[in-house]
Amino acid sequence: MDLEKSPQPAPPVMPARQRDAAPEGCLAVAIRVPVRIVVFVLIVPVRMAWDALVVCGRLLNDTLFRPLGRALMWVLAPVGRAFVWLLDGIATVIAWLFTGLGYALKWLCMLLFVWPWVGLWRYVAVPLGRALAWLGHVLLVVPARWLYERLLTPLGHGIVWALRGFGAGCAWLWRVSVLIPAGWLYRALLAPTGRGIALIAGGLWAAVVWVSRGLWAGAVWICRGSWAGITWVARGVWAGITWVGGGLWAGITWVGRGLWAAVAWLGMVVGTLLRWIFVVPAVALWRWVLAPVGRGIAVIAREIGEALGHAWRVAGYVSLAVGRFLGRLFRWIFVEPVRWAYRSVFTPMGHLVRDVFWRPAAEAARSVGRATRQALASARETARQTRADIRRALFGAPREPEPVPLAGPRGEPDPGRLVKPVEPLPTAPGPSRRERTGADTRTLGSSTTALTKD
């Protein structure tokens, strides 16, 4: 007996589309095959025409449009660059012209407006202003300063001293004639009189305050009694109004409740009638007619869409197979015969023509070209020699340039002074005093080396 549980087999994994899709009904299964057959029959010509158009478009793009575009770019790019260069040159020239015109206008404005005013200010206004300032200083400032220092300042000091003395005298006269008598009058007469008047006024004020307090207490007592009576009467009146208002509100509430119950009953009856007249038929129409029809239309539309996709893919495979068949047929009918003819007929004929005609003709043309070039070179050389002979006969031979001896550095002795004079060579060759003569001697005349041996 096994103590361990045997592993349970894993459930088969379903694709996400089959796992998420709802179970199909009989309607979908019934309309799927006919719809796919009809759609396939209708889509195959469209897909084949579309593939033919795509192939033609790619062929035109590779063989016509792209080379034409490259040729146009190859032609138009230099034209555009030349046009841009021309525009750049024109813009540069216009900029130079405007810059020169701006400099000329600036110089002209400076000449007509700035420099005259600068010269007028610098050479007329400034010296004239300085002269006027010096003249005003000499004629006005210096006399005014002398008048202020020598006349007005002492006169002002004297006037100030006089006014100070006059003020001191007036102050003494005011103190003696006004302040001292006024102080005595205040201390002896006005202060005692004011104290008596203040005492009498205090007594009168105390009497007035006592009478006013009594009158205020009486008025307060009367007002409190009147307010208590008014409050009692108002409470009774408010109690009566409250009782009457409570009764009226209870009656209005009872009547309102009855009316609300009647309106609610009437609304319930009307709502029930409207529900059974409009809502229930509409719900039944939606639930039993529109929803099933909509689901059927949705199923048909989904099946038609899936059939279109499936038919488009299958038509693609069919179009690919037809295209490959047509391509292979075209290859068997046209390409292979043309290739066989090119390899078996035209290539040997081309080699024969090349070896028999073109190469000998090319060699003959090259030899003729070489002979022509040699003849032309010899003619040019002859013409050059003739011109040189004519020039020499007319103007003489050109003078040979004489070598200029170079000056040696300072401090070095002249090499000519250190060399002994050369003795004249003997007219007849004689035996050398340093070389031995004989048959067994090695001389230049009788050499034993391999290079100079006779």
Protein backbone atom coordinates (compact mmCIF):
# COMPACT_ATOMS: atom_id res chain seq x y z
CA MET A 1 0.00 0.00 0.00
CA ASP A 2 1.43 3.34 -1.05
CA LEU A 3 1.58 5.91 1.74
CA GLU A 4 1.91 8.82 -0.66
CA LYS A 5 -0.77 10.02 -2.99
CA SER A 6 -0.21 9.50 -6.66
CA PRO A 7 0.21 12.80 -8.52
CA GLN A 8 -2.92 13.90 -10.30
CA PRO A 9 -2.57 14.54 -14.02
CA ALA A 10 -2.52 18.25 -14.85
CA PRO A 11 -5.63 19.52 -16.63
CA PRO A 12 -5.11 20.29 -20.32
CA VAL A 13 -4.25 23.91 -20.97
CA MET A 14 -6.77 25.55 -23.26
CA PRO A 15 -5.93 28.51 -25.46
CA ALA A 16 -6.89 31.92 -24.16
CA ARG A 17 -9.35 32.44 -27.02
CA GLN A 18 -11.18 29.15 -26.31
CA ARG A 19 -11.03 29.77 -22.57
CA ASP A 20 -12.48 33.28 -22.81
CA ALA A 21 -15.00 32.62 -25.57
CA ALA A 22 -18.57 31.78 -24.62
CA PRO A 23 -20.10 28.48 -25.78
CA GLU A 24 -21.38 28.80 -29.33
CA GLY A 25 -25.00 28.18 -30.24
CA CYS A 26 -26.57 26.35 -33.12
CA LEU A 27 -27.07 29.58 -35.09
CA ALA A 28 -23.33 30.31 -35.26
CA VAL A 29 -22.56 26.71 -36.26
CA ALA A 30 -25.31 26.73 -38.89
CA ILE A 31 -24.28 29.98 -40.65
CA ARG A 32 -20.49 29.62 -40.33
CA VAL A 33 -19.71 27.28 -43.26
CA PRO A 34 -22.04 28.89 -45.89
CA VAL A 35 -20.90 32.37 -44.94
CA ARG A 36 -17.24 31.40 -45.15
CA ILE A 37 -17.76 29.74 -48.57
CA VAL A 38 -19.56 32.79 -49.98
CA VAL A 39 -17.06 35.23 -48.52
CA PHE A 40 -14.14 33.13 -49.78
CA VAL A 41 -15.58 33.12 -53.32
CA LEU A 42 -16.00 36.91 -53.16
CA ILE A 43 -12.63 37.69 -51.51
CA VAL A 44 -10.32 35.55 -53.69
CA PRO A 45 -10.50 37.83 -56.80
CA VAL A 46 -10.09 40.92 -54.62
CA ARG A 47 -7.04 39.46 -52.84
CA MET A 48 -5.47 38.33 -56.13
CA ALA A 49 -6.03 41.79 -57.65
CA TRP A 50 -4.57 43.38 -54.52
CA ASP A 51 -1.48 41.12 -54.63
CA ALA A 52 -1.04 41.89 -58.34
CA LEU A 53 -1.21 45.61 -57.63
CA VAL A 54 1.32 45.20 -54.79
CA VAL A 55 3.73 43.29 -57.04
CA CYS A 56 3.34 45.90 -59.82
CA GLY A 57 3.87 48.70 -57.34
CA ARG A 58 7.03 47.07 -55.95
CA LEU A 59 8.31 46.44 -59.49
CA LEU A 60 7.65 50.04 -60.50
CA ASN A 61 9.24 51.29 -57.28
CA ASP A 62 12.38 49.17 -57.74
CA THR A 63 12.79 49.67 -61.50
CA LEU A 64 11.33 53.14 -62.18
CA PHE A 65 10.49 55.35 -59.24
CA ARG A 66 13.58 54.78 -57.09
CA PRO A 67 16.14 55.11 -59.97
CA LEU A 68 14.17 58.09 -61.30
CA GLY A 69 14.19 59.66 -57.87
CA ARG A 70 17.92 59.03 -57.49
CA ALA A 71 18.54 60.49 -60.97
CA LEU A 72 16.42 63.51 -60.13
CA MET A 73 18.28 63.91 -56.86
CA TRP A 74 21.59 63.51 -58.71
CA VAL A 75 20.49 66.20 -61.19
CA LEU A 76 18.59 68.50 -58.86
CA ALA A 77 21.02 68.36 -55.93
CA PRO A 78 23.80 70.23 -57.84
CA VAL A 79 21.17 72.60 -59.20
CA GLY A 80 19.91 73.19 -55.68
CA ARG A 81 23.43 73.64 -54.36
CA ALA A 82 24.20 76.04 -57.21
CA PHE A 83 20.97 77.90 -56.52
CA VAL A 84 21.78 78.05 -52.81
CA TRP A 85 25.33 79.19 -53.63
CA LEU A 86 23.89 81.84 -55.98
CA LEU A 87 21.41 83.00 -53.35
CA ASP A 88 24.20 83.01 -50.76
CA GLY A 89 26.38 85.09 -53.09
CA ILE A 90 23.53 87.48 -53.85
CA ALA A 91 22.72 87.76 -50.15
CA THR A 92 26.40 88.36 -49.39
CA VAL A 93 26.64 91.06 -52.08
CA ILE A 94 23.42 92.67 -50.86
CA ALA A 95 24.73 92.52 -47.29
CA TRP A 96 27.99 94.11 -48.42
CA LEU A 97 26.07 96.79 -50.31
CA PHE A 98 23.80 97.52 -47.37
CA THR A 99 26.79 97.49 -45.01
CA GLY A 100 28.64 99.96 -47.21
CA LEU A 101 25.49 102.05 -47.59
CA GLY A 102 25.05 101.96 -43.80
CA TYR A 103 28.64 103.06 -43.26
CA ALA A 104 28.19 105.83 -45.87
CA LEU A 105 24.92 106.99 -44.28
CA LYS A 106 26.53 106.85 -40.84
CA TRP A 107 29.51 108.91 -42.07
CA LEU A 108 27.15 111.37 -43.82
CA CYS A 109 24.98 111.72 -40.69
CA MET A 110 28.08 112.22 -38.58
CA LEU A 111 29.34 114.80 -41.08
CA LEU A 112 26.03 116.67 -41.32
CA PHE A 113 24.63 116.43 -37.81
CA VAL A 114 27.10 115.21 -35.21
CA TRP A 115 30.46 116.72 -36.11
CA PRO A 116 29.14 120.33 -36.64
CA TRP A 117 27.44 120.29 -33.24
CA VAL A 118 30.47 118.68 -31.64
CA GLY A 119 32.74 121.33 -33.20
CA LEU A 120 30.31 124.10 -32.22
CA TRP A 121 30.19 122.79 -28.66
CA ARG A 122 33.89 122.11 -28.39
CA TYR A 123 35.31 125.19 -30.15
CA VAL A 124 32.56 127.82 -29.64
CA ALA A 125 30.18 127.06 -26.78
CA VAL A 126 32.75 125.74 -24.30
CA PRO A 127 35.28 128.63 -24.73
CA LEU A 128 32.44 131.18 -24.74
CA GLY A 129 30.95 129.62 -21.63
CA ARG A 130 34.30 129.64 -19.89
CA ALA A 131 34.84 133.31 -20.85
CA LEU A 132 31.35 134.25 -19.64
CA ALA A 133 31.92 132.30 -16.42
CA TRP A 134 35.22 134.11 -15.83
CA LEU A 135 33.62 137.48 -16.65
CA GLY A 136 30.65 136.77 -14.35
CA HIS A 137 33.04 135.71 -11.61
CA VAL A 138 35.10 138.90 -12.01
CA LEU A 139 32.15 141.27 -12.41
CA LEU A 140 29.62 139.76 -10.01
CA VAL A 141 31.05 137.20 -7.62
CA VAL A 142 34.17 139.11 -6.54
CA PRO A 143 32.33 142.49 -5.87
CA ALA A 144 29.44 140.65 -4.18
CA ARG A 145 31.85 138.76 -1.94
CA TRP A 146 33.73 141.98 -1.07
CA LEU A 147 30.40 143.78 -0.37
CA TYR A 148 29.25 140.88 1.85
CA GLU A 149 32.50 140.65 3.78
CA ARG A 150 33.27 144.40 4.12
CA LEU A 151 29.83 146.03 4.42
CA LEU A 152 26.89 143.67 4.96
CA THR A 153 28.50 141.48 7.62
CA PRO A 154 29.50 144.40 9.97
CA LEU A 155 26.14 146.11 9.35
CA GLY A 156 24.29 142.91 10.17
CA HIS A 157 26.29 142.44 13.37
CA GLY A 158 25.42 146.02 14.45
CA ILE A 159 21.74 145.55 13.69
CA VAL A 160 21.72 142.30 15.67
CA TRP A 161 23.39 143.99 18.68
CA ALA A 162 20.86 146.88 18.52
CA LEU A 163 17.92 144.52 18.29
CA ARG A 164 19.20 142.51 21.23
CA GLY A 165 19.42 145.68 23.38
CA PHE A 166 15.99 146.82 22.28
CA GLY A 167 14.56 143.39 23.09
CA ALA A 168 16.15 143.42 26.56
CA GLY A 169 14.63 146.85 27.27
CA CYS A 170 11.19 145.82 26.07
CA ALA A 171 11.36 142.66 28.22
CA TRP A 172 12.26 144.71 31.37
CA LEU A 173 9.46 147.18 30.64
CA TRP A 174 6.94 144.27 30.17
CA ARG A 175 7.99 142.62 33.38
CA VAL A 176 7.80 145.86 35.43
CA SER A 177 4.61 147.26 33.91
CA VAL A 178 2.55 144.10 33.33
CA LEU A 179 3.77 140.92 35.03
CA ILE A 180 4.44 142.24 38.56
CA PRO A 181 1.03 144.11 38.87
CA ALA A 182 -0.80 141.13 37.38
CA GLY A 183 0.80 138.74 39.92
CA TRP A 184 -0.15 140.97 42.80
CA LEU A 185 -3.75 141.28 41.50
CA TYR A 186 -4.02 137.47 41.17
CA ARG A 187 -2.70 136.75 44.67
CA ALA A 188 -4.63 139.49 46.49
CA LEU A 189 -8.01 139.60 44.67
CA LEU A 190 -8.70 136.91 42.10
CA ALA A 191 -7.58 133.81 44.11
CA PRO A 192 -9.77 134.49 47.26
CA THR A 193 -12.76 135.40 45.06
CA GLY A 194 -12.39 132.18 43.02
CA ARG A 195 -12.18 130.02 46.15
CA GLY A 196 -15.46 131.50 47.49
CA ILE A 197 -17.24 131.00 44.20
CA ALA A 198 -15.99 127.37 44.06
CA LEU A 199 -17.34 126.68 47.61
CA ILE A 200 -20.82 128.07 46.73
CA ALA A 201 -20.90 126.11 43.45
CA GLY A 202 -19.99 122.84 45.31
CA GLY A 203 -22.96 123.25 47.71
CA LEU A 204 -25.36 123.97 44.88
CA TRP A 205 -24.06 120.88 42.95
CA ALA A 206 -24.55 118.59 45.97
CA ALA A 207 -28.18 119.81 46.34
CA VAL A 208 -28.87 119.22 42.66
CA VAL A 209 -27.37 115.69 42.88
CA TRP A 210 -29.55 114.74 45.89
CA VAL A 211 -32.75 115.93 44.20
CA SER A 212 -31.81 114.14 40.96
CA ARG A 213 -31.21 110.82 42.80
CA GLY A 214 -34.68 110.98 44.38
CA LEU A 215 -36.35 111.74 41.04
CA TRP A 216 -34.43 108.86 39.35
CA ALA A 217 -35.48 106.34 42.04
CA GLY A 218 -39.15 107.28 41.61
CA ALA A 219 -38.96 107.05 37.83
CA VAL A 220 -37.31 103.60 38.08
CA TRP A 221 -40.05 102.30 40.46
CA ILE A 222 -42.81 103.54 38.11
CA CYS A 223 -41.16 102.00 35.03
CA ARG A 224 -40.69 98.61 36.75
CA GLY A 225 -44.40 98.45 37.72
CA SER A 226 -45.50 99.42 34.23
CA TRP A 227 -43.18 96.76 32.66
CA ALA A 228 -44.51 94.03 34.99
CA GLY A 229 -48.14 94.86 33.98
CA ILE A 230 -47.27 94.92 30.30
CA THR A 231 -45.46 91.56 30.64
CA TRP A 232 -48.45 89.89 32.38
CA VAL A 233 -50.89 91.12 29.71
CA ALA A 234 -48.56 90.04 26.90
CA ARG A 235 -48.17 86.53 28.39
CA GLY A 236 -51.95 86.08 28.49
CA VAL A 237 -52.37 87.30 24.94
CA TRP A 238 -49.51 84.99 23.72
CA ALA A 239 -51.10 82.00 25.52
CA GLY A 240 -54.41 82.65 23.72
CA ILE A 241 -52.70 83.06 20.36
CA THR A 242 -50.72 79.83 20.93
CA TRP A 243 -53.87 77.85 21.79
CA VAL A 244 -55.74 79.14 18.74
CA GLY A 245 -52.69 78.56 16.45
CA GLY A 246 -52.24 74.99 17.79
CA GLY A 247 -55.84 74.14 16.94
CA LEU A 248 -55.56 75.64 13.49
CA TRP A 249 -52.26 73.78 12.84
CA ALA A 250 -53.78 70.46 13.98
CA GLY A 251 -56.69 70.95 11.57
CA ILE A 252 -54.39 71.93 8.70
CA THR A 253 -52.16 68.89 9.46
CA TRP A 254 -55.13 66.51 9.43
CA VAL A 255 -56.41 67.93 6.15
CA GLY A 256 -52.87 67.79 4.61
CA ARG A 257 -52.41 64.17 5.63
CA GLY A 258 -55.69 63.23 4.03
CA LEU A 259 -54.83 65.07 0.84
CA TRP A 260 -51.35 63.47 0.74
CA ALA A 261 -52.88 59.98 1.24
CA ALA A 262 -55.30 60.66 -1.63
CA VAL A 263 -52.56 61.98 -3.89
CA ALA A 264 -50.29 59.00 -3.03
CA TRP A 265 -53.07 56.52 -3.79
CA LEU A 266 -53.89 58.30 -7.03
CA GLY A 267 -50.16 58.33 -7.98
CA MET A 268 -49.83 54.63 -7.22
CA VAL A 269 -52.88 53.84 -9.40
CA VAL A 270 -51.63 56.03 -12.25
CA GLY A 271 -48.09 54.57 -11.94
CA THR A 272 -49.48 51.04 -12.05
CA LEU A 273 -51.55 51.87 -15.12
CA LEU A 274 -48.57 53.50 -16.85
CA ARG A 275 -46.34 50.55 -15.96
CA TRP A 276 -48.78 48.01 -17.41
CA ILE A 277 -49.51 50.20 -20.44
CA PHE A 278 -45.95 51.32 -21.39
CA VAL A 279 -43.17 49.76 -19.29
CA VAL A 280 -44.24 46.12 -19.29
CA PRO A 281 -44.80 46.00 -23.11
CA ALA A 282 -41.49 47.83 -23.70
CA VAL A 283 -39.62 45.41 -21.40
CA ALA A 284 -41.27 42.44 -23.07
CA LEU A 285 -40.43 43.83 -26.53
CA TRP A 286 -36.81 44.37 -25.51
CA ARG A 287 -36.46 41.02 -23.71
CA TRP A 288 -38.28 38.74 -26.15
CA VAL A 289 -37.81 40.51 -29.53
CA LEU A 290 -35.03 43.13 -29.72
CA ALA A 291 -32.43 41.36 -27.53
CA PRO A 292 -32.65 37.99 -29.42
CA VAL A 293 -32.63 39.78 -32.78
CA GLY A 294 -29.65 41.87 -31.65
CA ARG A 295 -27.80 38.79 -30.47
CA GLY A 296 -28.52 37.08 -33.80
CA ILE A 297 -27.30 40.13 -35.73
CA ALA A 298 -24.20 40.28 -33.51
CA VAL A 299 -23.51 36.59 -34.13
CA ILE A 300 -23.99 37.04 -37.88
CA ALA A 301 -21.77 40.13 -37.93
CA ARG A 302 -19.09 38.36 -35.88
CA GLU A 303 -19.20 35.33 -38.15
CA ILE A 304 -19.04 37.55 -41.25
CA GLY A 305 -16.04 39.40 -39.79
CA GLU A 306 -14.26 36.18 -38.87
CA ALA A 307 -15.16 34.76 -42.29
CA LEU A 308 -13.70 37.86 -43.97
CA GLY A 309 -10.46 37.50 -42.01
CA HIS A 310 -10.24 33.76 -42.65
CA ALA A 311 -11.10 34.19 -46.34
CA TRP A 312 -8.55 37.00 -46.70
CA ARG A 313 -5.80 34.79 -45.21
CA VAL A 314 -6.78 31.75 -47.29
CA ALA A 315 -7.05 33.95 -50.40
CA GLY A 316 -3.52 35.16 -49.61
CA TYR A 317 -2.27 31.57 -49.68
CA VAL A 318 -4.23 30.89 -52.88
CA SER A 319 -2.88 34.09 -54.47
CA LEU A 320 0.65 33.12 -53.40
CA ALA A 321 0.27 29.66 -54.95
CA VAL A 322 -1.20 31.12 -58.17
CA GLY A 323 1.61 33.70 -58.31
CA ARG A 324 4.28 31.06 -57.81
CA PHE A 325 2.63 28.90 -60.51
CA LEU A 326 2.49 31.81 -62.95
CA GLY A 327 6.09 32.75 -62.11
CA ARG A 328 7.30 29.21 -62.66
CA LEU A 329 5.27 28.99 -65.89
CA PHE A 330 6.78 32.30 -67.08
CA ARG A 331 10.22 30.98 -66.14
CA TRP A 332 9.66 27.73 -68.07
CA ILE A 333 8.21 29.49 -71.13
CA PHE A 334 10.44 32.59 -71.38
CA VAL A 335 13.32 32.70 -68.89
CA GLU A 336 14.77 29.22 -69.37
CA PRO A 337 14.74 29.38 -73.20
CA VAL A 338 16.28 32.84 -73.13
CA ARG A 339 18.91 31.67 -70.62
CA TRP A 340 19.65 28.56 -72.72
CA ALA A 341 19.93 30.68 -75.87
CA TYR A 342 22.20 33.16 -74.07
CA ARG A 343 24.47 30.45 -72.65
CA SER A 344 24.47 28.12 -75.68
CA VAL A 345 24.24 30.49 -78.65
CA PHE A 346 24.96 34.13 -77.88
CA THR A 347 27.86 33.56 -75.45
CA PRO A 348 29.91 31.36 -77.91
CA MET A 349 29.08 33.76 -80.73
CA GLY A 350 30.18 36.70 -78.58
CA HIS A 351 33.43 34.95 -77.66
CA LEU A 352 34.02 34.16 -81.34
CA VAL A 353 33.40 37.74 -82.39
CA ARG A 354 35.58 38.98 -79.53
CA ASP A 355 38.51 36.64 -80.37
CA VAL A 356 38.25 36.92 -84.17
CA PHE A 357 37.26 40.54 -84.75
CA TRP A 358 37.37 42.79 -81.67
CA ARG A 359 40.76 41.82 -80.20
CA PRO A 360 42.69 42.05 -83.55
CA ALA A 361 40.89 45.30 -84.32
CA ALA A 362 41.75 46.62 -80.83
CA GLU A 363 45.42 45.56 -81.22
CA ALA A 364 45.58 47.22 -84.65
CA ALA A 365 43.97 50.37 -83.23
CA ARG A 366 46.41 50.39 -80.30
CA SER A 367 49.39 49.91 -82.65
CA VAL A 368 48.12 52.68 -84.91
CA GLY A 369 47.70 54.88 -81.86
CA ARG A 370 51.24 54.13 -80.66
CA ALA A 371 52.68 54.83 -84.16
CA THR A 372 50.67 58.05 -84.36
CA ARG A 373 51.86 59.15 -80.93
CA GLN A 374 55.48 58.36 -81.84
CA ALA A 375 55.17 60.26 -85.13
CA LEU A 376 53.62 63.21 -83.35
CA ALA A 377 56.36 63.12 -80.69
CA SER A 378 59.11 63.01 -83.33
CA ALA A 379 57.41 65.84 -85.24
CA ARG A 380 57.23 67.92 -82.07
CA GLU A 381 60.90 67.20 -81.30
CA THR A 382 61.91 68.12 -84.89
CA ALA A 383 59.91 71.35 -84.67
CA ARG A 384 61.52 72.15 -81.32
CA GLN A 385 65.04 71.56 -82.73
CA THR A 386 64.23 73.67 -85.81
CA ARG A 387 63.02 76.55 -83.65
CA ALA A 388 66.17 76.28 -81.51
CA ASP A 389 68.40 76.33 -84.63
CA ILE A 390 66.59 79.34 -86.08
CA ARG A 391 66.82 81.17 -82.74
CA ARG A 392 70.54 80.34 -82.47
CA ALA A 393 71.13 81.51 -86.06
CA LEU A 394 69.27 84.78 -85.51
CA PHE A 395 70.27 85.72 -81.97
CA GLY A 396 73.36 83.64 -81.32
CA ALA A 397 74.05 80.97 -78.76
CA PRO A 398 72.98 81.75 -75.24
CA ARG A 399 75.74 82.76 -72.84
CA GLU A 400 76.85 80.07 -70.46
CA PRO A 401 76.52 81.09 -66.81
CA GLU A 402 79.89 81.77 -65.13
CA PRO A 403 80.46 80.15 -61.75
CA VAL A 404 80.80 82.65 -58.91
CA PRO A 405 83.46 81.73 -56.29
CA LEU A 406 82.08 81.58 -52.79
CA ALA A 407 83.76 83.66 -50.09
CA GLY A 408 85.28 81.57 -47.35
CA PRO A 409 84.66 82.18 -43.65
CA ARG A 410 86.71 84.72 -41.74
CA GLY A 411 89.80 83.56 -39.91
CA GLU A 412 90.51 80.62 -42.26
CA PRO A 413 93.59 80.68 -44.53
CA ASP A 414 93.22 80.78 -48.25
CA PRO A 415 93.43 77.20 -49.58
CA GLY A 416 95.22 78.50 -52.70
CA ARG A 417 98.18 79.61 -50.65
CA LEU A 418 98.59 76.20 -49.02
CA VAL A 419 98.67 74.26 -52.32
CA LYS A 420 101.97 73.91 -54.11
CA PRO A 421 102.09 74.91 -57.75
CA VAL A 422 101.39 72.05 -60.12
CA GLU A 423 104.34 70.93 -62.23
CA PRO A 424 103.80 70.40 -65.94
CA LEU A 425 103.24 66.81 -67.00
CA PRO A 426 106.09 65.13 -68.88
CA THR A 427 105.58 64.93 -72.64
CA ALA A 428 106.83 61.34 -72.82
CA PRO A 429 105.80 58.72 -70.32
CA GLY A 430 108.65 57.46 -68.35
CA PRO A 431 109.08 54.86 -65.72
CA SER A 432 107.75 55.70 -62.36
CA ARG A 433 110.25 56.18 -59.65
CA ARG A 434 108.00 54.40 -57.12
CA GLU A 435 106.90 51.41 -59.23
CA ARG A 436 109.05 48.48 -60.10
CA THR A 437 109.27 47.21 -63.63
CA GLY A 438 109.60 43.62 -64.60
CA ALA A 439 107.72 40.52 -65.56
CA ASP A 440 107.11 39.43 -62.00
CA THR A 441 105.69 42.73 -60.81
CA ARG A 442 101.96 43.64 -60.50
CA THR A 443 101.21 46.81 -62.40
CA LEU A 444 98.22 48.35 -64.08
CA GLY A 445 99.43 47.03 -67.39
CA SER A 446 99.74 43.44 -66.22
CA SER A 447 97.00 42.68 -63.71
CA THR A 448 96.42 39.35 -62.09
CA THR A 449 92.88 39.99 -60.87
CA ALA A 450 89.87 38.34 -62.41
CA LEU A 451 88.23 41.61 -63.34
CA THR A 452 91.20 43.14 -65.27
CA LYS A 453 92.82 39.98 -66.63
CA ASP A 454 93.14 39.89 -70.44
